[in-house]
Each structure stands twice: as C-alpha cells, then as structure tokens.
C-alpha cells in the first residue's frame, strides 16, 4: 500500500459485518449491560470498516453501524403508546433517522481517510492529522445529532457510555463532548498505527510513535483526577418514589398518582428533612393551581413533613401548558417554579403538527399533549441552598445543566417520569446521564423517578442510596453541597463549538486542496 492511495482494509461484505458487530457492541456499552470498554471496540470496528470507502459504500457501512446500535438501544420507545398497533412507528422513525445521520457522518469520515494523504505527504504529519480529523468528525456528527432537528436526540453519546467507567472524571475538565473526542482519538490513533505498519516506505518509528501516543493518551484518561469542587455543607432530602400509574397510557382515577406519592412520603414524617422531592408527573397531570383538593393535599403534606415539597405537574397558564416544577410550602403554597426547557418532540408536543397529522393522523391524534418550552432559570432556593434542576429529558442537554451551576447551584435535583417505559433500559440509560452530570459539575445529584430506579449520586458519580425499579419507597439522605465551577462548566460551550467548527472547516479545506492536487496530477 502506498502513502497516497488508502485502500479499504476490509472488503465490503466484511466491512458490513464489522459495522453491524460494532453497532451491537456500542449498544452493549450502554445500560442495561453497560460494558463500557465495548465502546472502544465499537468505534474501532466502525472506523476500520470506513477506511478507503467511496461515498456510497461508506454511507451503507455507517448506516449499518447506526441501525444495529439505535434499533436495539432505544427499543423502549415502542412501548410509549401502550398497546396501540402503531406503537412501533415512533421507534422505527427515530432509530431510522438517527441511523441516517450516522450514515452521513460515515461518508465524511471516509472522505477524511481519502483526502488527508492527498494533501499531507509526510507520514508523521499524515498520521496525526488523520487520527485527529477522524476523531473530530465523529464528535462533530454527535454534536449535530444531539442538537438537530427539534432540539435533537442526545442519546448514544460516546462520552456518556463512560459514565460508570474509569474515564468519566475527564468530563469534569472537558465536558462530555470533549471526552467523546478523546476516546475517539485514542481509537483513531490505534487504527492509524495498524495502517501505518502497511504503508510503503514509512519509517518504523511512525507506527511506533502512534502506538506510544495512543498508550499515553489512554493512561492520561485513566489517571487524570476529577476536577475538585469545594464542600459547602449538606441538605437533608427525602426523595419519594410513588410507583403509581403515571404512564401516559395508564388507566387511573384522578388522584391515584398523587395518593401514591403521599403514601411513599409518609415515612419522612418526624425525620427533620429540609426538602421532600417528588418526581416529574408526581401529581398525575392534576394542576394544583386550579385543583383545590390537590392544593389542599400538598399544603397539608408540607405542614406534616415540616418541609417544602419540590413537585411537578402539567400547569396551564392562559392558552399554554407547561411541564412545571414548583416548590410548595405549607404557609404560602407555590413559592418558586421552573418549567421544562426541552419538552420531548412527539412525546410532550408535536412539532409541525399539521404536517405530520396529514401523514399519520391516527398516530398523531394519540399525542394530545402540547407542552410549551420554559425559559426560566433551572434553579430554586430552598432556604439558603441553591438547587439546580433538570426535568427528565432536560438532563440530556449540557447547556441547561451548565446554566444551573453557573447560576450558583450547589446540588442538583433531577425529576423524571419513566412510567411510559416501565421495565425497559430507558431509566437506566437516563440514570447514567445523571451520574455523568454529577461528575461533570462536581455536584451531588438526587435523581427521583415515578417508578424507578431513583438514586442519590455523590459528586464523584458513586451511588449513595437507591430505590429499585417498580417499588414504592423513600430515600432520606444528607446530601453533600458543593461550590466552585469545573472547567467543563466554564468552557463547555467553547469546547463544543470548537469540536463542531474546527473539524468541519478542516475537512472542507482538505477537500479543496485534495481536488486541486488531483487536477494538477
């Protein structure tokens, strides 16, 4: 093999097999299996399958990788609409769209493998440029997918696959996307090491240096400690998991979910807590601002607990409806509120409803909710304690979590309703995001669900206490408070912008130069 004509490592049939195997390995790196090292195997199989491919073949191979990952990874979406015969449509549509994105990104990675050697002839520089650009494109593709369309779908991020592994602490320095880039870079260096050993006329020191660089990066990722934040006392929290009929399609009486939360919270009486935390949907859709019985029940409960309740429900304000969390006190009722910033597209609202209703009217008709996105700060004060918030899907969005820390949050309270996906991997996948948020920000997290699993997570990502899924229960814990901002919180937006713009600009420049070089030749 020459240094200027990268040929495929695998024939197309073998590349497709490798891509499918890689997608399945990638799925296994996320919960429920959560075998984090398999993420590196998956990336390696994907990259190897793309080397030397032309655009059409690269798209096909990367599409196979994306499909074999997303279809099993988010199969829990199939249950969102209950037993409806069309319940599979959202799952197939979303997994299919995400696989198409993976395919498009695969074409760009294949172009990087093709264009870099046409422009950069020196083996050492070619080696480094190829690995960095491939890792950058992998990350840029991820950033696009978690941002667009309709606010994106922030599932399946390479960095998030490491939430329970030894590399997670790196996220406190460079954020989740920075960790994605570094993990992809380590794999790309290894792939280039194997390729360089086959290049004609390349000094042996080049692959040796590449192997050394990959080893140094891997060691650095393991030994870099979490960025330290400062202890600032504690808050005593009672987190209640009601295990009520809180799913969208569940049959229930008006106050069943509220009653389940009250029952789960009863053991907190007399335990001198500062806050009682309930999950998203803890009132079963009852609006306590208009329902006097629900408001009275909350006021009595807060008085009995001797602490305010941080609860959540659908709240109407004029013609608009918000997924709103409120801090409810015995003396004044609701004294603070925060509305969900990122309602779930096609779950909590239907974007371009008229368009999609014309295509699948019976399916869109099943989704009656139309929540408005909130624009208030994801922060509340409970006494002197600043509490950062994220409501279910919001936990997947970096900017909202960083905003809470930047506004002074000393601890996070994440409220979620996983009843729509009871018995699936969805809750565990989301819980790993909460774990990564604790590490990334250096803050404790209390993640409470309607049906589980609910956890108290320490700032280093370890589990302090938990309530298993499908059980009613209560956690009472002294939750550590922290002050200070991590580099990820301070520089996260800049890091993300750089990882999006720089690879795109570099690939464009290389493409122009490669085309010119080919014309001259």
Protein backbone atom coordinates (compact mmCIF):
# COMPACT_ATOMS: atom_id res chain seq x y z
CA UNK A 1 0.00 0.00 0.00
CA UNK A 2 1.26 3.48 -0.86
CA UNK A 3 1.07 6.51 1.38
CA UNK A 4 -1.17 8.38 -1.07
CA UNK A 5 -3.82 5.80 -2.02
CA UNK A 6 -5.63 4.45 1.04
CA UNK A 7 -7.35 1.22 0.11
CA UNK A 8 -10.09 -0.49 2.12
CA UNK A 9 -8.86 -2.64 4.97
CA UNK A 10 -11.88 -4.94 4.55
CA UNK A 11 -13.92 -5.97 1.52
CA UNK A 12 -17.41 -4.50 1.56
CA UNK A 13 -19.13 -7.67 2.79
CA UNK A 14 -16.70 -7.96 5.70
CA UNK A 15 -16.99 -4.23 6.42
CA UNK A 16 -20.77 -4.60 6.75
CA UNK A 17 -20.33 -7.46 9.19
CA UNK A 18 -17.80 -5.42 11.17
CA UNK A 19 -20.14 -2.43 11.20
CA UNK A 20 -23.09 -4.46 12.50
CA UNK A 21 -20.88 -6.09 15.13
CA UNK A 22 -19.64 -2.63 16.09
CA UNK A 23 -23.16 -1.26 16.45
CA UNK A 24 -24.17 -4.16 18.70
CA UNK A 25 -21.01 -3.69 20.78
CA UNK A 26 -21.81 0.02 21.08
CA UNK A 27 -25.29 -0.85 22.35
CA UNK A 28 -23.77 -3.19 24.94
CA UNK A 29 -21.56 -0.37 26.22
CA UNK A 30 -24.69 1.44 27.46
CA UNK A 31 -27.10 0.20 30.16
CA UNK A 32 -28.56 -2.24 30.86
CA UNK A 33 -25.37 -4.18 30.07
CA UNK A 34 -23.15 -1.11 30.49
CA UNK A 35 -19.89 -2.80 29.43
CA UNK A 36 -18.06 0.50 28.86
CA UNK A 37 -14.87 -0.91 27.19
CA UNK A 38 -17.01 -2.18 24.31
CA UNK A 39 -17.49 1.43 23.19
CA UNK A 40 -13.83 1.46 22.09
CA UNK A 41 -14.25 -1.83 20.26
CA UNK A 42 -17.32 -0.40 18.54
CA UNK A 43 -15.55 2.75 17.37
CA UNK A 44 -12.61 0.70 16.10
CA UNK A 45 -14.86 -1.60 14.09
CA UNK A 46 -16.70 1.38 12.63
CA UNK A 47 -13.51 3.18 11.59
CA UNK A 48 -11.89 0.08 10.13
CA UNK A 49 -14.99 -0.54 8.06
CA UNK A 50 -14.84 3.00 6.62
CA UNK A 51 -11.20 3.22 5.58
CA UNK A 52 -10.85 3.53 1.80
CA UNK A 53 -14.60 3.52 1.10
CA UNK A 54 -16.20 5.62 -1.59
CA UNK A 55 -19.18 7.72 -0.57
CA UNK A 56 -21.94 5.22 -1.36
CA UNK A 57 -20.26 2.30 0.34
CA UNK A 58 -19.26 4.45 3.31
CA UNK A 59 -22.87 5.55 3.77
CA UNK A 60 -24.06 1.96 3.63
CA UNK A 61 -21.49 0.73 6.13
CA UNK A 62 -22.06 3.59 8.60
CA UNK A 63 -25.82 3.18 8.20
CA UNK A 64 -25.46 -0.47 9.18
CA UNK A 65 -23.47 0.57 12.27
CA UNK A 66 -26.08 3.16 13.24
CA UNK A 67 -29.05 0.87 12.67
CA UNK A 68 -27.53 -2.04 14.63
CA UNK A 69 -26.94 0.38 17.51
CA UNK A 70 -30.05 2.54 17.63
CA UNK A 71 -32.73 -0.05 16.94
CA UNK A 72 -31.86 -2.17 19.99
CA UNK A 73 -30.67 0.75 22.14
CA UNK A 74 -33.95 2.69 22.03
CA UNK A 75 -36.39 -0.17 21.53
CA UNK A 76 -38.13 1.08 24.67
CA UNK A 77 -39.81 3.78 22.55
CA UNK A 78 -42.00 1.00 21.12
CA UNK A 79 -43.95 0.96 24.39
CA UNK A 80 -44.69 4.67 24.67
CA UNK A 81 -48.16 4.45 23.10
CA UNK A 82 -49.10 1.32 25.02
CA UNK A 83 -50.87 -1.43 23.07
CA UNK A 84 -51.73 0.70 20.06
CA UNK A 85 -50.98 -1.22 16.83
CA UNK A 86 -48.94 1.76 15.58
CA UNK A 87 -46.78 1.96 18.71
CA UNK A 88 -43.77 0.75 16.73
CA UNK A 89 -43.82 3.72 14.34
CA UNK A 90 -42.06 6.28 16.63
CA UNK A 91 -39.33 3.74 17.44
CA UNK A 92 -38.66 2.86 13.81
CA UNK A 93 -38.86 6.50 12.72
CA UNK A 94 -36.43 7.81 15.34
CA UNK A 95 -33.96 4.92 15.09
CA UNK A 96 -34.09 5.20 11.30
CA UNK A 97 -33.41 8.94 11.31
CA UNK A 98 -30.51 8.54 13.73
CA UNK A 99 -29.06 5.74 11.58
CA UNK A 100 -29.24 8.04 8.55
CA UNK A 101 -27.27 10.65 10.47
CA UNK A 102 -24.67 8.00 11.29
CA UNK A 103 -24.51 7.10 7.61
CA UNK A 104 -23.95 10.71 6.55
CA UNK A 105 -21.22 11.12 9.15
CA UNK A 106 -19.59 7.93 7.91
CA UNK A 107 -19.24 9.47 4.45
CA UNK A 108 -17.34 12.41 5.96
CA UNK A 109 -15.03 10.08 7.89
CA UNK A 110 -14.32 8.13 4.71
CA UNK A 111 -13.53 11.39 2.92
CA UNK A 112 -11.08 12.29 5.67
CA UNK A 113 -9.30 8.96 5.16
CA UNK A 114 -9.19 9.67 1.43
CA UNK A 115 -8.26 13.37 1.38
CA UNK A 116 -5.62 13.65 4.12
CA UNK A 117 -2.96 11.57 2.27
CA UNK A 118 -3.53 13.55 -0.92
CA UNK A 119 -2.66 16.79 0.85
CA UNK A 120 -0.27 15.79 3.64
CA UNK A 121 2.58 13.64 2.31
CA UNK A 122 4.90 13.40 5.30
CA UNK A 123 3.96 10.15 7.11
CA UNK A 124 4.20 11.52 10.63
CA UNK A 125 2.04 14.56 9.95
CA UNK A 126 -0.37 12.46 7.89
CA UNK A 127 -0.69 10.01 10.76
CA UNK A 128 -1.52 12.69 13.33
CA UNK A 129 -3.79 14.70 11.05
CA UNK A 130 -5.84 11.68 10.02
CA UNK A 131 -6.43 10.49 13.59
CA UNK A 132 -7.33 13.98 14.85
CA UNK A 133 -9.65 14.74 11.95
CA UNK A 134 -11.46 11.40 12.14
CA UNK A 135 -12.00 11.84 15.89
CA UNK A 136 -13.16 15.40 15.28
CA UNK A 137 -15.69 14.36 12.64
CA UNK A 138 -17.01 11.60 14.90
CA UNK A 139 -17.55 14.21 17.62
CA UNK A 140 -19.00 16.84 15.28
CA UNK A 141 -21.51 14.30 13.98
CA UNK A 142 -22.52 13.59 17.57
CA UNK A 143 -22.95 17.31 18.32
CA UNK A 144 -25.23 17.74 15.30
CA UNK A 145 -27.30 14.69 16.22
CA UNK A 146 -27.88 15.88 19.81
CA UNK A 147 -28.88 19.36 18.65
CA UNK A 148 -31.00 18.99 15.50
CA UNK A 149 -33.75 18.61 14.39
CA UNK A 150 -36.32 19.65 17.00
CA UNK A 151 -33.66 20.11 19.72
CA UNK A 152 -32.01 16.82 18.74
CA UNK A 153 -31.84 13.46 20.44
CA UNK A 154 -28.99 13.36 22.99
CA UNK A 155 -28.88 9.57 23.33
CA UNK A 156 -25.97 7.32 22.35
CA UNK A 157 -23.12 9.75 23.01
CA UNK A 158 -19.70 8.12 23.17
CA UNK A 159 -18.71 10.17 26.21
CA UNK A 160 -21.86 9.16 28.09
CA UNK A 161 -21.00 5.47 27.58
CA UNK A 162 -18.14 6.03 30.03
CA UNK A 163 -20.28 7.29 32.94
CA UNK A 164 -19.57 4.23 35.10
CA UNK A 165 -16.01 3.65 33.86
CA UNK A 166 -12.62 4.99 34.97
CA UNK A 167 -12.56 7.72 32.30
CA UNK A 168 -15.67 9.59 33.43
CA UNK A 169 -13.71 12.04 35.60
CA UNK A 170 -12.19 13.54 32.44
CA UNK A 171 -15.63 15.03 31.71
CA UNK A 172 -15.15 17.45 34.62
CA UNK A 173 -12.33 19.04 32.60
CA UNK A 174 -13.58 18.95 29.00
CA UNK A 175 -17.27 18.04 29.20
CA UNK A 176 -18.99 15.05 27.68
CA UNK A 177 -18.19 16.07 24.10
CA UNK A 178 -14.55 16.60 24.99
CA UNK A 179 -14.49 13.09 26.43
CA UNK A 180 -16.11 11.80 23.23
CA UNK A 181 -13.33 13.37 21.18
CA UNK A 182 -10.54 11.99 23.37
CA UNK A 183 -11.99 8.46 23.34
CA UNK A 184 -12.43 8.58 19.55
CA UNK A 185 -8.91 9.96 19.18
CA UNK A 186 -7.39 7.09 21.17
CA UNK A 187 -9.12 4.58 18.89
CA UNK A 188 -8.25 6.51 15.72
CA UNK A 189 -4.57 6.53 16.75
CA UNK A 190 -4.64 2.76 17.13
CA UNK A 191 -6.31 2.33 13.75
CA UNK A 192 -3.68 4.57 12.15
CA UNK A 193 -0.95 2.59 13.87
CA UNK A 194 -2.17 -0.58 12.21
CA UNK A 195 -2.50 1.16 8.85
CA UNK A 196 0.92 2.84 9.02
CA UNK A 197 2.59 -0.51 9.51
CA UNK A 198 1.36 -1.39 5.98
CA UNK A 199 2.37 1.85 4.27
CA UNK A 200 5.19 1.58 1.75
CA UNK A 201 8.35 3.48 2.61
CA UNK A 202 7.20 4.59 6.05
CA UNK A 203 9.84 4.56 8.79
CA UNK A 204 9.09 2.11 11.56
CA UNK A 205 9.22 4.93 14.07
CA UNK A 206 5.89 6.29 12.77
CA UNK A 207 3.65 3.38 13.84
CA UNK A 208 5.74 3.01 16.99
CA UNK A 209 5.18 6.66 17.80
CA UNK A 210 1.48 6.26 17.09
CA UNK A 211 1.20 3.31 19.42
CA UNK A 212 3.06 5.28 22.07
CA UNK A 213 0.76 8.27 21.63
CA UNK A 214 -2.33 6.08 21.96
CA UNK A 215 -0.89 4.48 25.11
CA UNK A 216 -0.02 7.85 26.65
CA UNK A 217 -3.50 9.20 25.89
CA UNK A 218 -5.15 6.11 27.36
CA UNK A 219 -3.06 6.34 30.54
CA UNK A 220 -3.78 10.05 30.85
CA UNK A 221 -7.51 9.44 30.51
CA UNK A 222 -7.35 6.94 33.36
CA UNK A 223 -5.11 8.82 35.80
CA UNK A 224 -6.43 12.38 35.37
CA UNK A 225 -8.38 13.10 38.58
CA UNK A 226 -11.78 14.72 38.74
CA UNK A 227 -11.56 18.50 38.97
CA UNK A 228 -12.07 19.39 42.64
CA UNK A 229 -15.01 21.47 43.88
CA UNK A 230 -15.40 22.77 47.44
CA UNK A 231 -17.55 21.23 50.16
CA UNK A 232 -20.28 23.61 51.35
CA UNK A 233 -22.32 21.70 53.92
CA UNK A 234 -25.33 19.46 53.26
CA UNK A 235 -29.08 19.41 52.78
CA UNK A 236 -31.32 16.69 54.19
CA UNK A 237 -33.62 15.40 51.47
CA UNK A 238 -36.49 12.92 51.43
CA UNK A 239 -36.93 11.60 47.86
CA UNK A 240 -40.17 9.68 47.30
CA UNK A 241 -40.80 7.15 44.53
CA UNK A 242 -44.54 6.54 44.47
CA UNK A 243 -44.68 3.78 41.84
CA UNK A 244 -48.14 4.95 40.83
CA UNK A 245 -49.91 4.60 37.45
CA UNK A 246 -48.06 7.59 35.98
CA UNK A 247 -47.63 6.47 32.34
CA UNK A 248 -49.35 8.41 29.58
CA UNK A 249 -51.45 5.39 28.60
CA UNK A 250 -52.13 4.16 32.19
CA UNK A 251 -55.73 3.89 33.36
CA UNK A 252 -56.13 5.76 36.64
CA UNK A 253 -58.50 7.74 38.81
CA UNK A 254 -57.86 11.46 39.15
CA UNK A 255 -55.77 11.38 42.33
CA UNK A 256 -54.17 7.92 42.12
CA UNK A 257 -50.66 9.19 41.33
CA UNK A 258 -50.84 11.93 43.98
CA UNK A 259 -52.05 9.40 46.54
CA UNK A 260 -49.16 7.06 45.68
CA UNK A 261 -46.67 9.89 46.22
CA UNK A 262 -48.24 10.82 49.53
CA UNK A 263 -48.14 7.20 50.66
CA UNK A 264 -44.48 6.85 49.67
CA UNK A 265 -43.64 10.07 51.53
CA UNK A 266 -45.31 9.14 54.83
CA UNK A 267 -42.13 7.68 56.41
CA UNK A 268 -40.47 11.11 56.17
CA UNK A 269 -42.67 12.39 58.98
CA UNK A 270 -40.55 13.20 62.01
CA UNK A 271 -37.22 12.83 60.18
CA UNK A 272 -36.42 16.57 60.16
CA UNK A 273 -35.75 16.98 56.45
CA UNK A 274 -35.11 20.24 54.62
CA UNK A 275 -36.89 19.20 51.41
CA UNK A 276 -39.21 16.48 50.14
CA UNK A 277 -38.57 15.70 46.47
CA UNK A 278 -41.17 14.20 44.16
CA UNK A 279 -40.64 13.09 40.55
CA UNK A 280 -41.87 14.55 37.28
CA UNK A 281 -45.57 13.78 36.89
CA UNK A 282 -45.92 13.16 40.61
CA UNK A 283 -49.47 14.52 40.55
CA UNK A 284 -50.59 12.52 37.54
CA UNK A 285 -51.36 15.59 35.45
CA UNK A 286 -53.51 17.30 38.09
CA UNK A 287 -52.84 21.06 38.16
CA UNK A 288 -52.62 22.14 41.82
CA UNK A 289 -53.03 25.79 40.84
CA UNK A 290 -56.59 25.10 39.68
CA UNK A 291 -57.46 21.93 41.62
CA UNK A 292 -58.34 22.90 45.20
CA UNK A 293 -58.28 19.35 46.52
CA UNK A 294 -54.74 18.74 45.19
CA UNK A 295 -53.55 22.10 46.53
CA UNK A 296 -55.00 21.35 49.95
CA UNK A 297 -53.36 17.90 49.98
CA UNK A 298 -49.97 19.44 49.16
CA UNK A 299 -50.34 22.11 51.83
CA UNK A 300 -51.29 19.53 54.48
CA UNK A 301 -48.42 17.28 53.43
CA UNK A 302 -45.86 20.09 53.58
CA UNK A 303 -47.10 21.02 57.06
CA UNK A 304 -46.95 17.38 58.19
CA UNK A 305 -43.45 16.85 56.79
CA UNK A 306 -42.21 20.12 58.23
CA UNK A 307 -40.53 20.83 54.87
CA UNK A 308 -41.45 22.17 51.43
CA UNK A 309 -42.23 19.76 48.59
CA UNK A 310 -40.49 20.10 45.24
CA UNK A 311 -43.16 18.61 42.98
CA UNK A 312 -44.08 18.63 39.29
CA UNK A 313 -47.20 18.64 37.17
CA UNK A 314 -48.76 19.99 33.99
CA UNK A 315 -49.76 23.60 34.60
CA UNK A 316 -51.89 25.81 32.37
CA UNK A 317 -51.08 29.49 32.01
CA UNK A 318 -53.63 31.05 29.71
CA UNK A 319 -53.69 29.06 26.48
CA UNK A 320 -50.28 27.50 27.14
CA UNK A 321 -49.43 24.38 29.16
CA UNK A 322 -46.08 23.85 30.85
CA UNK A 323 -44.37 20.85 32.41
CA UNK A 324 -43.68 22.73 35.63
CA UNK A 325 -41.87 22.01 38.88
CA UNK A 326 -42.96 24.01 41.92
CA UNK A 327 -41.65 24.45 45.43
CA UNK A 328 -44.76 24.07 47.60
CA UNK A 329 -44.74 25.31 51.19
CA UNK A 330 -47.25 24.88 53.99
CA UNK A 331 -47.65 28.64 54.53
CA UNK A 332 -47.65 30.09 51.03
CA UNK A 333 -48.25 27.23 48.61
CA UNK A 334 -46.07 27.56 45.47
CA UNK A 335 -43.19 29.98 46.12
CA UNK A 336 -40.94 29.12 43.16
CA UNK A 337 -41.30 27.36 39.83
CA UNK A 338 -39.32 26.13 36.84
CA UNK A 339 -40.70 24.80 33.54
CA UNK A 340 -39.12 22.09 31.44
CA UNK A 341 -36.80 23.66 28.88
CA UNK A 342 -36.78 20.79 26.37
CA UNK A 343 -40.16 19.03 26.08
CA UNK A 344 -39.86 15.74 24.20
CA UNK A 345 -40.70 16.10 20.48
CA UNK A 346 -43.55 13.73 19.52
CA UNK A 347 -43.92 12.84 23.19
CA UNK A 348 -44.80 16.04 25.02
CA UNK A 349 -45.59 18.08 21.94
CA UNK A 350 -45.83 17.54 18.19
CA UNK A 351 -43.70 19.92 16.12
CA UNK A 352 -45.29 20.90 12.83
CA UNK A 353 -48.39 19.03 13.95
CA UNK A 354 -50.44 19.82 10.84
CA UNK A 355 -47.74 18.36 8.59
CA UNK A 356 -47.36 15.08 10.48
CA UNK A 357 -51.07 14.79 11.11
CA UNK A 358 -51.61 14.80 7.36
CA UNK A 359 -49.22 11.82 7.06
CA UNK A 360 -50.25 9.66 10.07
CA UNK A 361 -53.40 11.25 11.53
CA UNK A 362 -54.34 8.32 13.76
CA UNK A 363 -50.89 8.19 15.34
CA UNK A 364 -50.50 11.94 15.89
CA UNK A 365 -54.02 12.02 17.30
CA UNK A 366 -52.87 9.79 20.16
CA UNK A 367 -50.46 12.51 21.36
CA UNK A 368 -52.74 15.05 22.96
CA UNK A 369 -50.10 16.96 24.91
CA UNK A 370 -48.70 20.27 23.68
CA UNK A 371 -46.25 21.46 26.33
CA UNK A 372 -44.53 24.79 25.81
CA UNK A 373 -40.78 25.02 26.45
CA UNK A 374 -39.92 27.04 29.55
CA UNK A 375 -37.44 29.90 29.56
CA UNK A 376 -36.85 30.46 33.27
CA UNK A 377 -33.66 29.65 35.15
CA UNK A 378 -33.18 25.98 36.15
CA UNK A 379 -32.60 26.99 39.77
CA UNK A 380 -34.53 27.32 43.03
CA UNK A 381 -33.52 28.30 46.53
CA UNK A 382 -34.53 26.07 49.42
CA UNK A 383 -33.63 28.21 52.38
CA UNK A 384 -30.01 29.18 51.80
CA UNK A 385 -29.34 26.28 49.43
CA UNK A 386 -29.25 26.83 45.66
CA UNK A 387 -30.78 23.80 43.93
CA UNK A 388 -30.15 23.14 40.23
CA UNK A 389 -32.97 21.47 38.30
CA UNK A 390 -33.48 19.30 35.25
CA UNK A 391 -36.82 17.73 34.41
CA UNK A 392 -36.47 14.28 32.81
CA UNK A 393 -35.34 14.79 29.15
CA UNK A 394 -33.63 18.05 30.18
CA UNK A 395 -30.85 16.11 31.90
CA UNK A 396 -29.53 15.12 28.47
CA UNK A 397 -28.82 18.74 27.48
CA UNK A 398 -25.43 20.10 28.51
CA UNK A 399 -26.33 23.79 28.34
CA UNK A 400 -29.19 23.56 30.83
CA UNK A 401 -27.13 21.65 33.40
CA UNK A 402 -24.19 24.04 32.99
CA UNK A 403 -26.56 27.00 33.37
CA UNK A 404 -27.67 25.72 36.76
CA UNK A 405 -24.10 25.51 38.02
CA UNK A 406 -23.22 28.91 36.58
CA UNK A 407 -26.22 30.39 38.40
CA UNK A 408 -24.90 29.03 41.70
CA UNK A 409 -26.41 25.55 42.10
CA UNK A 410 -24.80 23.65 44.97
CA UNK A 411 -26.72 20.42 44.35
CA UNK A 412 -28.96 19.03 41.60
CA UNK A 413 -32.48 17.64 41.88
CA UNK A 414 -33.49 15.71 38.76
CA UNK A 415 -37.17 14.79 38.45
CA UNK A 416 -38.20 12.17 35.92
CA UNK A 417 -41.18 10.04 34.95
CA UNK A 418 -40.11 6.73 33.45
CA UNK A 419 -43.53 5.08 33.75
CA UNK A 420 -44.03 5.24 29.97
CA UNK A 421 -41.03 2.92 29.61
CA UNK A 422 -41.50 0.74 32.67
CA UNK A 423 -39.41 -2.43 32.57
CA UNK A 424 -37.05 -1.15 29.85
CA UNK A 425 -33.48 0.17 29.73
CA UNK A 426 -34.63 3.79 29.33
CA UNK A 427 -34.48 4.65 33.02
CA UNK A 428 -31.02 3.11 33.44
CA UNK A 429 -29.69 4.96 30.40
CA UNK A 430 -31.04 8.24 31.73
CA UNK A 431 -29.67 7.47 35.17
CA UNK A 432 -26.18 7.18 33.68
CA UNK A 433 -26.62 10.66 32.25
CA UNK A 434 -27.44 11.90 35.74
CA UNK A 435 -24.30 10.16 37.01
CA UNK A 436 -22.19 11.88 34.38
CA UNK A 437 -23.74 15.23 35.32
CA UNK A 438 -22.61 14.74 38.90
CA UNK A 439 -19.04 14.08 37.76
CA UNK A 440 -19.05 16.80 35.11
CA UNK A 441 -20.20 19.53 37.52
CA UNK A 442 -18.73 18.22 40.77
CA UNK A 443 -22.18 18.28 42.39
CA UNK A 444 -24.34 15.73 44.18
CA UNK A 445 -27.44 14.63 42.29
CA UNK A 446 -30.75 13.35 43.63
CA UNK A 447 -32.47 11.64 40.70
CA UNK A 448 -36.03 10.64 41.56
CA UNK A 449 -38.41 8.73 39.29
CA UNK A 450 -42.09 7.88 39.50
CA UNK A 451 -41.39 4.16 39.08
CA UNK A 452 -37.60 3.88 39.49
CA UNK A 453 -34.75 3.50 39.61
CA UNK A 454 -34.22 6.52 41.93
CA UNK A 455 -30.76 7.33 43.31
CA UNK A 456 -28.71 9.73 45.34
CA UNK A 457 -25.42 10.19 43.50
CA UNK A 458 -22.27 11.64 45.06
CA UNK A 459 -20.18 14.30 43.25
CA UNK A 460 -17.76 11.58 42.12
CA UNK A 461 -20.57 9.58 40.49
CA UNK A 462 -20.87 6.85 43.11
CA UNK A 463 -24.29 5.74 44.31
CA UNK A 464 -25.09 6.78 47.89
CA UNK A 465 -28.56 5.23 48.12
CA UNK A 466 -31.25 3.97 45.76
CA UNK A 467 -34.79 2.67 45.40
CA UNK A 468 -35.08 -0.20 42.87
CA UNK A 469 -37.46 0.00 39.95
CA UNK A 470 -41.13 -0.91 40.38
CA UNK A 471 -41.10 -0.39 44.13
CA UNK A 472 -42.65 2.29 46.28
CA UNK A 473 -40.09 3.79 48.59
CA UNK A 474 -38.36 6.74 50.21
CA UNK A 475 -34.73 7.79 50.48
CA UNK A 476 -33.76 10.11 53.34
CA UNK A 477 -30.19 11.32 52.92
CA UNK A 478 -27.88 14.13 53.95
CA UNK A 479 -26.81 15.26 50.50
CA UNK A 480 -23.47 16.99 50.17
CA UNK A 481 -23.37 20.55 48.80
CA UNK A 482 -20.52 21.87 46.66
CA UNK A 483 -19.32 25.27 45.44
CA UNK A 484 -16.97 26.14 42.57
CA UNK A 485 -17.14 25.58 38.82
CA UNK A 486 -15.36 22.86 36.87
CA UNK A 487 -13.57 23.66 33.58
CA UNK A 488 -16.31 21.73 31.79
CA UNK A 489 -18.95 24.13 33.09
CA UNK A 490 -16.83 27.23 32.43
CA UNK A 491 -15.54 26.30 28.97
CA UNK A 492 -18.02 23.67 27.83
CA UNK A 493 -19.78 25.81 25.24
CA UNK A 494 -16.47 26.88 23.72
CA UNK A 495 -15.19 23.30 23.64
CA UNK A 496 -18.36 22.13 21.91
CA UNK A 497 -18.23 24.97 19.36
CA UNK A 498 -14.59 24.19 18.61
CA UNK A 499 -15.29 20.48 18.17
CA UNK A 500 -18.06 21.32 15.72
CA UNK A 501 -16.44 24.08 13.68
CA UNK A 502 -12.78 23.02 13.51
CA UNK A 503 -13.32 19.51 12.05
CA UNK A 504 -15.86 20.86 9.55
CA UNK A 505 -13.52 23.66 8.44
CA UNK A 506 -10.53 21.31 8.29
CA UNK A 507 -12.39 18.75 6.18
CA UNK A 508 -13.61 21.48 3.81
CA UNK A 509 -10.11 22.88 3.40
CA UNK A 510 -8.64 19.44 2.83
CA UNK A 511 -11.31 18.69 0.25
CA UNK A 512 -10.49 21.83 -1.72
CA UNK A 513 -6.77 21.12 -1.57
CA UNK A 514 -7.25 17.45 -2.49
CA UNK A 515 -9.34 18.32 -5.53
CA UNK A 516 -6.74 20.86 -6.66
CA UNK A 517 -3.94 18.37 -6.17
CA UNK A 518 -5.77 15.74 -8.17
CA UNK A 519 -6.39 18.19 -11.03
CA UNK A 520 -2.74 19.14 -11.12
CA UNK A 521 -1.75 15.49 -11.20
